Amino acid sequence: MSPALSCWLLFLAGCLGCQHPACRCLGRVFICQESQVVQVPRDIPANVTELRFVLTKMRVIPKGAFAGLVDLEKMLISNTGLRFLPAVHKVRSFQKVLLDIQDNINIRTIERNSFMGLSSENVILWLNKNGIQNIENHAFNGTYLDELNLSDNHNLEKLPNEVFQGANGPIVLDISSTKISFLPSHGLELIKKLRARSTYNLKKLPDLSKFRSLIEANFTYPSHCCAFTSWKRQKTELHPICSISQVKQDFEENSGKKLRRRSAAEDYISNYGIGFDPAENEFDYGLCNEVVNVACSPKPDAFNPCEDIMGYNILRVLIWFINILAITGNTVVLIILISSQYKLTVPRFLMCNLAFADLCIGIYLLFIASVDIQTKSQYYNYAIDWQTGAGCNAAGFFTVFASELSVYTLTVITLERWHTITYAMQLHRKVRLRHAVIIMIFGWVFAFTVALLPIFGVSSYMKVSICLPMDIETPFAQAYVIFLLVLNVLAFVIICVCYSCIYFTVRNPNVISSNSDTKIAKRMAILIFTDFLCMAPISFFAISASLKVPLITVSNSKILLVLFYPINSCANPFLYAIFTKNFRRDFFILLSKFGCCEMQAQIYRTEISSSAHIFHTRNGHCPPASKNSDGTIYSLVPLNHLN
């Protein structure tokens, strides 16, 4: 009998065994695609290369059900009632085998040694779109995993550390659209392709040294690709002698002498038995340090460059100096104003609000600086937790709330000063404390609301590492950002106009002397200049960016954040409080209560009483100035506002 005829008869004999009423043979493919199939048929031809079980109601595949299928190359089990993985015991194929087990929502667990019977040199295992929730250690023991696809198992949360122990591979691992939060610490050495798209819980990567063979990676977050931008992996597969590079380097460092390549090779070969000819002493060791470029996606974008939160070391130093200055200055102002023995007046009340707002900005900078120190050089591993977590939302809320409240309060203070000086002699038009409280309640509600909007989806704080609302992808988000920026510009214009009016008012020789005139002009110039330095560069570049015409990068915007953004928060406590006579008076009076600076406190009490008496006399009033009501003088006398 000819060999061809023998093969043909063998093929027919195999297919004649296909007698199941709900299954059929298509060549060497055995297909069961009927709901009445509730168990594995016993008449599967021995020579089949592919099994297909689709839309069946099989719940269990008994052990040994596929024994003897020596030519099996592919098995498809989809949309069945299967509750356990197939028993692949004694499937002895030495070719590439594809197990396509998907869309079986009743499969919950992959147990230990589930695929122990596969002895193929290459196994492609697709376990995607199942109901898998748990995978035990050593689940793939005894397999040569060419590819493992676990994608779209939406309830799979964990890969245990020893899940790949006992397996050779995987070479390709796909965990996309799962809830996996950590990769195992073992078994990553052979992975060449890693896919983790829409795996939002995977926020931190293991030590990069685990990825000895990785050449391609697809992640969910761009920051993960930053881990590989400066990563160097030694390509030891180029030649065995590459392994002696480190031995050679260590020897040279210890002996302080240059080691000949020939002797290093000889020593290494004698110890490790590597079949390398020591006469080849001209080997280029530079090849051993060749950088392996990992093809990684998605690429970092303009909003999230591969850098720490503070991209420059000088900014890392300056931000600490500035936030400590802002926190200290505004805390002192709050303590002095609140503890003052004089009654609460409108200026004091407004200054308390301003100091609190500027204190919040200092706290925001402290928050950012602290996270920057904690994540230095490894921000890519913390970026997702930080930017998508409560920390960044809290920092963003703090800075928007504080900056808007600060700008609002500065504007109210300026308007109050202009109103008080303009209508100094019309007491019936005086701004009362109850008026100021109502005005500031509105300001607090406004600042709180605009700071809360990004948390509820209008723009976002998670766009950049410094947690500012830079998301302008939607029309509402863009309108929100532009609205805040334009509002701040208008506030600056109002402040400039009011101080200009104040200046021309106090130049009247009937109101104030020329010496004081010059002093007040200088003070107002400083106030407007600090406001301009703070608002102008930020507003200019921010408005251009909000119109989708960015003029600077996010990296450069951090310079604005550190050097310009907190100017007012640092300067306001000094310009509006610490440098004023009333503040110094309150400061020394407070210290005198603890037995310190009693003489200075008495001098200030005397000076304030004398100034009040002279002012009232010049204006036709002679009431005695009570030190317990000195706060009223603070709100009426222009000098007490500006000096």
Foldseek 3Di string as FASTA:
>chain_A
DDPVVVVVVLQVVQQVLLDDPQWHDDRLEIEHADQDDQAQDQSHRLARQEYEAHNYAHAAHDAPSNANNQNHAEYAHANYQHQADHRLAHRHYQAEHEYHYAHNANHAEQEACSPQRDQYQEYAYAYDHYCYQYYDANSVANEAYQYYAHDHNANHAEDEQRNCPNYNDHQEYAHANYQHQADHPPRQQNHAEYEHANNLNPQFYDDPVSPQRHAEYEHHDQLLLLVQPPDWHFPCVVDVLLVLPVVQVVVCVVVVDHDQQLVSVVVVCVVPVDPDDSVPRVDDNVNRRDGRHHHYDDHDDLQEDSAFQQRDPVLLVLLVVLLVLLQVLLVLLLVLLVPFLADDFLLSVLSNQLSVLLNLLSVLSVLLSVVRVVCHPNVSSVLSCCLVHPSLLVSQLSNQLSVQSNLQSLLVLLVLLLQLLVPLPPVVSHDGPVNSVVSSVVSNVVSNVLSCVQVVPLAHQSSHSSRHRLGQPDPSNLVSQLVVLVVSVVSLVSSVVSLVSVLVSCVPVLAHDPVVSVVLVVLSVVVSVLSCQQRVVCSVQSNCVSVVNHPDTPNVVVCSVSPRNSSCSSCVSVSFAVVALVNVLSVQVVVVVVVPNPVVNVVSLVVLQVVVQVVQVSVPHHDRDDPNHSVVVCSNRSSSRGD
